[in-house]
Amino acid sequence: MLKHNQLSKIVSSVHDRFTYVSDIELYKVKEHWVSFDEIPEGNFSGDCEDFTQAVRKELAAIGEKSRIATCGINSSRMNHAVCIYENWVIDNVHKWPMLKSDLLNYKFISISGFNTGDKWHEII
C-alpha cells in the first residue's frame, strides 16, 4: 500500500499531463470510455474517466490495484468517474487524493472490479 505522499506524487504527475476536453469535443459522442492501455504516455486530453484511467495505469505500473467508481456531485445523478485506491478517491476535480468521508457532496452510484471486464456493482 502506498503512503499518502507517494500517491499524491502520482496524482500530481497525472494532473500535470492532463487537459480536460469533453467527449463531445474530442470524440463527437456524448460518452466514450477508453481502457488505461489506451492512455498515452506524456500529455493527454480527455474527461473524468480518461483522467481516472491514467491514474489507474500509473498505479498498475507499480503493482497497485484500483477501481473506478461513478458518482454524482452535489445531489446530481450526473455521472462523474473517480479512481478508488484503498480509502482514497482520486479525480480530476481535486489536485490531491481525498478520503471518501471528506467528499460529502459525492453520491457514489457504482463501482468496478479491479480488472478490465470485471462486473460493476451498484452502490446503495
N, C-alpha and C. Protein backbone atom coordinates (compact mmCIF):
# COMPACT_ATOMS: atom_id res chain seq x y z
N MET A 1 0.84 -1.18 0.00
CA MET A 1 0.00 0.00 0.00
C MET A 1 0.89 1.25 0.00
N LEU A 2 0.54 2.19 -0.84
CA LEU A 2 1.31 3.43 -0.94
C LEU A 2 1.02 4.37 0.23
N LYS A 3 2.02 5.13 0.60
CA LYS A 3 1.80 6.20 1.58
C LYS A 3 1.15 7.38 0.86
N HIS A 4 0.49 8.26 1.62
CA HIS A 4 -0.23 9.39 1.03
C HIS A 4 0.67 10.24 0.14
N ASN A 5 1.90 10.50 0.58
CA ASN A 5 2.78 11.36 -0.22
C ASN A 5 3.18 10.69 -1.53
N GLN A 6 3.32 9.36 -1.54
CA GLN A 6 3.63 8.64 -2.78
C GLN A 6 2.44 8.72 -3.75
N LEU A 7 1.25 8.51 -3.21
CA LEU A 7 0.04 8.58 -4.03
C LEU A 7 -0.16 10.00 -4.56
N SER A 8 0.10 10.99 -3.72
CA SER A 8 -0.04 12.39 -4.13
C SER A 8 0.89 12.73 -5.29
N LYS A 9 2.10 12.17 -5.30
CA LYS A 9 3.04 12.42 -6.40
C LYS A 9 2.49 11.86 -7.71
N ILE A 10 1.89 10.68 -7.66
CA ILE A 10 1.30 10.08 -8.86
C ILE A 10 0.15 10.95 -9.36
N VAL A 11 -0.72 11.35 -8.46
CA VAL A 11 -1.88 12.18 -8.84
C VAL A 11 -1.41 13.51 -9.42
N SER A 12 -0.43 14.13 -8.80
CA SER A 12 0.12 15.39 -9.29
C SER A 12 0.70 15.23 -10.69
N SER A 13 1.41 14.15 -10.91
CA SER A 13 2.00 13.88 -12.22
C SER A 13 0.93 13.75 -13.30
N VAL A 14 -0.15 13.05 -13.00
CA VAL A 14 -1.24 12.90 -13.97
C VAL A 14 -1.91 14.25 -14.21
N HIS A 15 -2.16 15.01 -13.15
CA HIS A 15 -2.75 16.35 -13.31
C HIS A 15 -1.88 17.24 -14.21
N ASP A 16 -0.57 17.16 -14.05
CA ASP A 16 0.34 17.99 -14.84
C ASP A 16 0.28 17.66 -16.33
N ARG A 17 -0.07 16.42 -16.68
CA ARG A 17 -0.10 15.99 -18.08
C ARG A 17 -1.48 16.09 -18.71
N PHE A 18 -2.51 16.36 -17.89
CA PHE A 18 -3.91 16.26 -18.30
C PHE A 18 -4.53 17.60 -18.66
N THR A 19 -5.26 17.61 -19.77
CA THR A 19 -6.08 18.76 -20.16
C THR A 19 -7.51 18.26 -20.33
N TYR A 20 -8.45 18.90 -19.63
CA TYR A 20 -9.85 18.47 -19.73
C TYR A 20 -10.43 18.87 -21.09
N VAL A 21 -11.00 17.88 -21.77
CA VAL A 21 -11.75 18.08 -23.01
C VAL A 21 -12.91 17.09 -22.96
N SER A 22 -14.12 17.56 -23.20
CA SER A 22 -15.29 16.68 -23.14
C SER A 22 -15.26 15.65 -24.28
N ASP A 23 -16.00 14.56 -24.09
CA ASP A 23 -16.10 13.54 -25.12
C ASP A 23 -16.76 14.09 -26.39
N ILE A 24 -17.70 15.01 -26.21
CA ILE A 24 -18.35 15.64 -27.37
C ILE A 24 -17.30 16.36 -28.23
N GLU A 25 -16.42 17.10 -27.58
CA GLU A 25 -15.38 17.83 -28.31
C GLU A 25 -14.32 16.89 -28.90
N LEU A 26 -13.95 15.88 -28.12
CA LEU A 26 -12.84 15.01 -28.52
C LEU A 26 -13.25 13.91 -29.49
N TYR A 27 -14.39 13.26 -29.21
CA TYR A 27 -14.81 12.10 -30.00
C TYR A 27 -16.11 12.32 -30.78
N LYS A 28 -16.76 13.46 -30.57
CA LYS A 28 -18.03 13.79 -31.23
C LYS A 28 -19.17 12.86 -30.80
N VAL A 29 -19.06 12.30 -29.60
CA VAL A 29 -20.12 11.49 -28.99
C VAL A 29 -20.28 11.92 -27.54
N LYS A 30 -21.46 11.64 -26.98
CA LYS A 30 -21.76 12.07 -25.61
C LYS A 30 -20.83 11.40 -24.59
N GLU A 31 -20.58 10.12 -24.77
CA GLU A 31 -19.77 9.37 -23.80
C GLU A 31 -18.88 8.39 -24.54
N HIS A 32 -17.59 8.38 -24.20
CA HIS A 32 -16.63 7.46 -24.80
C HIS A 32 -15.60 7.09 -23.74
N TRP A 33 -15.53 5.81 -23.42
CA TRP A 33 -14.57 5.34 -22.42
C TRP A 33 -13.42 4.63 -23.12
N VAL A 34 -12.22 4.83 -22.61
CA VAL A 34 -11.05 4.13 -23.10
C VAL A 34 -10.47 3.29 -21.95
N SER A 35 -9.74 2.24 -22.30
CA SER A 35 -9.06 1.46 -21.27
C SER A 35 -7.78 2.19 -20.88
N PHE A 36 -7.20 1.81 -19.75
CA PHE A 36 -5.99 2.53 -19.36
C PHE A 36 -4.83 2.23 -20.30
N ASP A 37 -4.91 1.14 -21.05
CA ASP A 37 -3.88 0.85 -22.06
C ASP A 37 -3.90 1.86 -23.20
N GLU A 38 -5.04 2.52 -23.42
CA GLU A 38 -5.17 3.50 -24.50
C GLU A 38 -4.73 4.91 -24.09
N ILE A 39 -4.45 5.12 -22.81
CA ILE A 39 -4.00 6.43 -22.35
C ILE A 39 -2.53 6.59 -22.75
N PRO A 40 -2.20 7.64 -23.52
CA PRO A 40 -0.81 7.79 -23.97
C PRO A 40 0.14 8.21 -22.85
N GLU A 41 1.39 7.90 -23.05
CA GLU A 41 2.43 8.44 -22.16
C GLU A 41 2.53 9.93 -22.47
N GLY A 42 2.96 10.71 -21.53
CA GLY A 42 3.09 12.15 -21.78
C GLY A 42 1.75 12.86 -21.66
N ASN A 43 1.64 14.02 -22.27
CA ASN A 43 0.44 14.85 -22.17
C ASN A 43 -0.72 14.19 -22.88
N PHE A 44 -1.94 14.40 -22.34
CA PHE A 44 -3.13 13.83 -22.95
C PHE A 44 -4.34 14.68 -22.60
N SER A 45 -5.38 14.53 -23.41
CA SER A 45 -6.64 15.23 -23.19
C SER A 45 -7.74 14.20 -22.97
N GLY A 46 -8.77 14.62 -22.26
CA GLY A 46 -9.91 13.74 -22.04
C GLY A 46 -10.79 14.30 -20.95
N ASP A 47 -11.74 13.46 -20.50
CA ASP A 47 -12.63 13.89 -19.43
C ASP A 47 -12.33 13.09 -18.16
N CYS A 48 -13.28 13.07 -17.24
CA CYS A 48 -13.01 12.49 -15.92
C CYS A 48 -12.60 11.03 -15.96
N GLU A 49 -13.25 10.23 -16.85
CA GLU A 49 -12.85 8.81 -16.86
C GLU A 49 -11.49 8.60 -17.52
N ASP A 50 -11.11 9.48 -18.44
CA ASP A 50 -9.76 9.38 -19.01
C ASP A 50 -8.71 9.70 -17.95
N PHE A 51 -8.98 10.72 -17.14
CA PHE A 51 -8.09 11.05 -16.02
C PHE A 51 -8.00 9.86 -15.06
N THR A 52 -9.15 9.30 -14.74
CA THR A 52 -9.22 8.15 -13.84
C THR A 52 -8.41 6.97 -14.38
N GLN A 53 -8.55 6.71 -15.66
CA GLN A 53 -7.80 5.60 -16.27
C GLN A 53 -6.30 5.87 -16.25
N ALA A 54 -5.91 7.12 -16.42
CA ALA A 54 -4.48 7.45 -16.37
C ALA A 54 -3.90 7.19 -14.98
N VAL A 55 -4.65 7.53 -13.94
CA VAL A 55 -4.20 7.25 -12.57
C VAL A 55 -4.12 5.73 -12.36
N ARG A 56 -5.14 5.01 -12.83
CA ARG A 56 -5.13 3.54 -12.70
C ARG A 56 -3.93 2.94 -13.42
N LYS A 57 -3.59 3.48 -14.57
CA LYS A 57 -2.44 2.99 -15.34
C LYS A 57 -1.15 3.19 -14.55
N GLU A 58 -0.99 4.36 -13.95
CA GLU A 58 0.21 4.64 -13.14
C GLU A 58 0.29 3.70 -11.94
N LEU A 59 -0.84 3.48 -11.29
CA LEU A 59 -0.87 2.57 -10.14
C LEU A 59 -0.55 1.13 -10.56
N ALA A 60 -1.14 0.69 -11.66
CA ALA A 60 -0.91 -0.68 -12.14
C ALA A 60 0.56 -0.89 -12.49
N ALA A 61 1.22 0.15 -13.01
CA ALA A 61 2.63 0.06 -13.40
C ALA A 61 3.54 -0.25 -12.21
N ILE A 62 3.07 0.08 -11.00
CA ILE A 62 3.88 -0.22 -9.80
C ILE A 62 3.24 -1.33 -8.97
N GLY A 63 2.32 -2.07 -9.60
CA GLY A 63 1.73 -3.24 -8.95
C GLY A 63 0.58 -2.98 -8.00
N GLU A 64 0.01 -1.77 -8.06
CA GLU A 64 -1.11 -1.43 -7.17
C GLU A 64 -2.44 -1.54 -7.91
N LYS A 65 -3.44 -2.10 -7.25
CA LYS A 65 -4.77 -2.27 -7.84
C LYS A 65 -5.69 -1.13 -7.41
N SER A 66 -6.55 -0.75 -8.34
CA SER A 66 -7.52 0.30 -8.07
C SER A 66 -8.81 -0.03 -8.79
N ARG A 67 -9.84 0.76 -8.52
CA ARG A 67 -11.14 0.55 -9.14
C ARG A 67 -11.66 1.89 -9.66
N ILE A 68 -12.69 1.82 -10.49
CA ILE A 68 -13.38 3.01 -10.95
C ILE A 68 -14.74 3.05 -10.26
N ALA A 69 -15.13 4.22 -9.82
CA ALA A 69 -16.49 4.41 -9.30
C ALA A 69 -17.13 5.55 -10.07
N THR A 70 -18.44 5.45 -10.24
CA THR A 70 -19.19 6.57 -10.80
C THR A 70 -19.97 7.22 -9.67
N CYS A 71 -20.16 8.51 -9.80
CA CYS A 71 -20.86 9.25 -8.75
C CYS A 71 -21.52 10.49 -9.34
N GLY A 72 -22.40 11.06 -8.57
CA GLY A 72 -22.95 12.36 -8.87
C GLY A 72 -22.36 13.34 -7.86
N ILE A 73 -22.29 14.59 -8.23
CA ILE A 73 -21.75 15.61 -7.33
C ILE A 73 -22.87 16.60 -7.00
N ASN A 74 -22.95 16.99 -5.73
CA ASN A 74 -23.97 17.94 -5.27
C ASN A 74 -25.39 17.47 -5.59
N SER A 75 -25.71 16.25 -5.22
CA SER A 75 -27.03 15.63 -5.38
C SER A 75 -27.41 15.35 -6.82
N SER A 76 -26.52 15.58 -7.75
CA SER A 76 -26.80 15.29 -9.15
C SER A 76 -26.52 13.82 -9.43
N ARG A 77 -27.33 13.21 -10.27
CA ARG A 77 -27.05 11.84 -10.70
C ARG A 77 -26.19 11.87 -11.96
N MET A 78 -25.71 13.06 -12.33
CA MET A 78 -24.81 13.17 -13.46
C MET A 78 -23.57 12.31 -13.19
N ASN A 79 -23.19 11.50 -14.12
CA ASN A 79 -22.06 10.62 -13.89
C ASN A 79 -20.73 11.36 -13.91
N HIS A 80 -19.95 11.06 -12.90
CA HIS A 80 -18.58 11.53 -12.79
C HIS A 80 -17.78 10.29 -12.41
N ALA A 81 -16.62 10.11 -13.02
CA ALA A 81 -15.79 8.94 -12.74
C ALA A 81 -14.64 9.32 -11.83
N VAL A 82 -14.37 8.43 -10.88
CA VAL A 82 -13.25 8.62 -9.95
C VAL A 82 -12.48 7.32 -9.84
N CYS A 83 -11.25 7.41 -9.43
CA CYS A 83 -10.42 6.25 -9.13
C CYS A 83 -10.49 6.00 -7.63
N ILE A 84 -10.71 4.75 -7.25
CA ILE A 84 -10.71 4.37 -5.84
C ILE A 84 -9.46 3.53 -5.59
N TYR A 85 -8.62 4.02 -4.70
CA TYR A 85 -7.43 3.28 -4.28
C TYR A 85 -7.43 3.24 -2.76
N GLU A 86 -7.54 2.02 -2.22
CA GLU A 86 -7.67 1.84 -0.77
C GLU A 86 -8.82 2.73 -0.27
N ASN A 87 -8.56 3.66 0.64
CA ASN A 87 -9.60 4.56 1.15
C ASN A 87 -9.60 5.92 0.45
N TRP A 88 -8.86 6.03 -0.64
CA TRP A 88 -8.69 7.30 -1.31
C TRP A 88 -9.54 7.40 -2.56
N VAL A 89 -10.06 8.59 -2.81
CA VAL A 89 -10.80 8.91 -4.03
C VAL A 89 -9.95 9.90 -4.81
N ILE A 90 -9.73 9.59 -6.09
CA ILE A 90 -8.87 10.43 -6.93
C ILE A 90 -9.66 10.81 -8.17
N ASP A 91 -9.71 12.10 -8.46
CA ASP A 91 -10.40 12.55 -9.67
C ASP A 91 -9.75 13.82 -10.21
N ASN A 92 -10.26 14.27 -11.36
CA ASN A 92 -9.70 15.46 -11.98
C ASN A 92 -10.17 16.75 -11.33
N VAL A 93 -11.11 16.67 -10.40
CA VAL A 93 -11.62 17.85 -9.70
C VAL A 93 -10.67 18.29 -8.60
N HIS A 94 -10.07 17.34 -7.91
CA HIS A 94 -9.18 17.63 -6.78
C HIS A 94 -7.73 17.37 -7.17
N LYS A 95 -6.85 18.21 -6.73
CA LYS A 95 -5.43 18.11 -7.07
C LYS A 95 -4.69 17.06 -6.23
N TRP A 96 -5.35 16.49 -5.24
CA TRP A 96 -4.71 15.53 -4.36
C TRP A 96 -5.74 14.44 -4.02
N PRO A 97 -5.27 13.28 -3.52
CA PRO A 97 -6.19 12.22 -3.12
C PRO A 97 -7.06 12.69 -1.95
N MET A 98 -8.32 12.34 -2.01
CA MET A 98 -9.29 12.73 -0.97
C MET A 98 -9.83 11.48 -0.29
N LEU A 99 -10.10 11.57 1.00
CA LEU A 99 -10.79 10.49 1.69
C LEU A 99 -12.27 10.53 1.30
N LYS A 100 -12.84 9.37 1.08
CA LYS A 100 -14.26 9.30 0.71
C LYS A 100 -15.12 10.01 1.75
N SER A 101 -14.76 9.88 3.01
CA SER A 101 -15.53 10.51 4.10
C SER A 101 -15.51 12.03 4.04
N ASP A 102 -14.54 12.62 3.31
CA ASP A 102 -14.47 14.07 3.17
C ASP A 102 -15.27 14.59 1.97
N LEU A 103 -15.74 13.69 1.14
CA LEU A 103 -16.46 14.08 -0.07
C LEU A 103 -17.96 13.91 0.13
N LEU A 104 -18.49 14.68 1.03
CA LEU A 104 -19.91 14.56 1.38
C LEU A 104 -20.82 14.95 0.23
N ASN A 105 -20.32 15.70 -0.72
CA ASN A 105 -21.14 16.10 -1.86
C ASN A 105 -21.08 15.10 -3.02
N TYR A 106 -20.36 13.99 -2.85
CA TYR A 106 -20.30 12.94 -3.86
C TYR A 106 -21.29 11.84 -3.49
N LYS A 107 -22.17 11.50 -4.40
CA LYS A 107 -23.12 10.39 -4.21
C LYS A 107 -22.65 9.25 -5.11
N PHE A 108 -22.06 8.23 -4.50
CA PHE A 108 -21.50 7.12 -5.27
C PHE A 108 -22.61 6.22 -5.81
N ILE A 109 -22.49 5.85 -7.09
CA ILE A 109 -23.54 5.13 -7.81
C ILE A 109 -23.13 3.68 -8.08
N SER A 110 -21.93 3.49 -8.65
CA SER A 110 -21.49 2.14 -8.98
C SER A 110 -19.97 2.07 -8.89
N ILE A 111 -19.47 0.81 -8.80
CA ILE A 111 -18.02 0.60 -8.69
C ILE A 111 -17.63 -0.62 -9.51
N SER A 112 -16.48 -0.51 -10.15
CA SER A 112 -15.97 -1.60 -10.98
C SER A 112 -15.26 -2.64 -10.12
N GLY A 113 -14.91 -3.74 -10.78
CA GLY A 113 -13.98 -4.67 -10.18
C GLY A 113 -12.57 -4.11 -10.34
N PHE A 114 -11.59 -4.93 -9.98
CA PHE A 114 -10.20 -4.46 -10.08
C PHE A 114 -9.61 -4.61 -11.48
N ASN A 115 -10.18 -5.50 -12.27
CA ASN A 115 -9.62 -5.80 -13.59
C ASN A 115 -10.59 -5.41 -14.70
N THR A 116 -10.03 -5.07 -15.87
CA THR A 116 -10.84 -4.76 -17.03
C THR A 116 -11.76 -5.94 -17.31
N GLY A 117 -13.03 -5.65 -17.52
CA GLY A 117 -14.00 -6.70 -17.80
C GLY A 117 -14.71 -7.25 -16.57
N ASP A 118 -14.20 -6.90 -15.37
CA ASP A 118 -14.89 -7.33 -14.14
C ASP A 118 -16.27 -6.70 -14.08
N LYS A 119 -17.17 -7.36 -13.40
CA LYS A 119 -18.53 -6.87 -13.23
C LYS A 119 -18.55 -5.60 -12.38
N TRP A 120 -19.45 -4.67 -12.76
CA TRP A 120 -19.68 -3.46 -11.98
C TRP A 120 -20.77 -3.76 -10.96
N HIS A 121 -20.74 -3.05 -9.82
CA HIS A 121 -21.72 -3.24 -8.77
C HIS A 121 -22.34 -1.91 -8.39
N GLU A 122 -23.66 -1.92 -8.20
CA GLU A 122 -24.36 -0.73 -7.76
C GLU A 122 -24.02 -0.46 -6.30
N ILE A 123 -23.85 0.80 -5.96
CA ILE A 123 -23.61 1.19 -4.57
C ILE A 123 -24.93 1.74 -4.03
N ILE A 124 -25.40 1.12 -2.99
CA ILE A 124 -26.70 1.53 -2.41
C ILE A 124 -26.48 2.42 -1.21
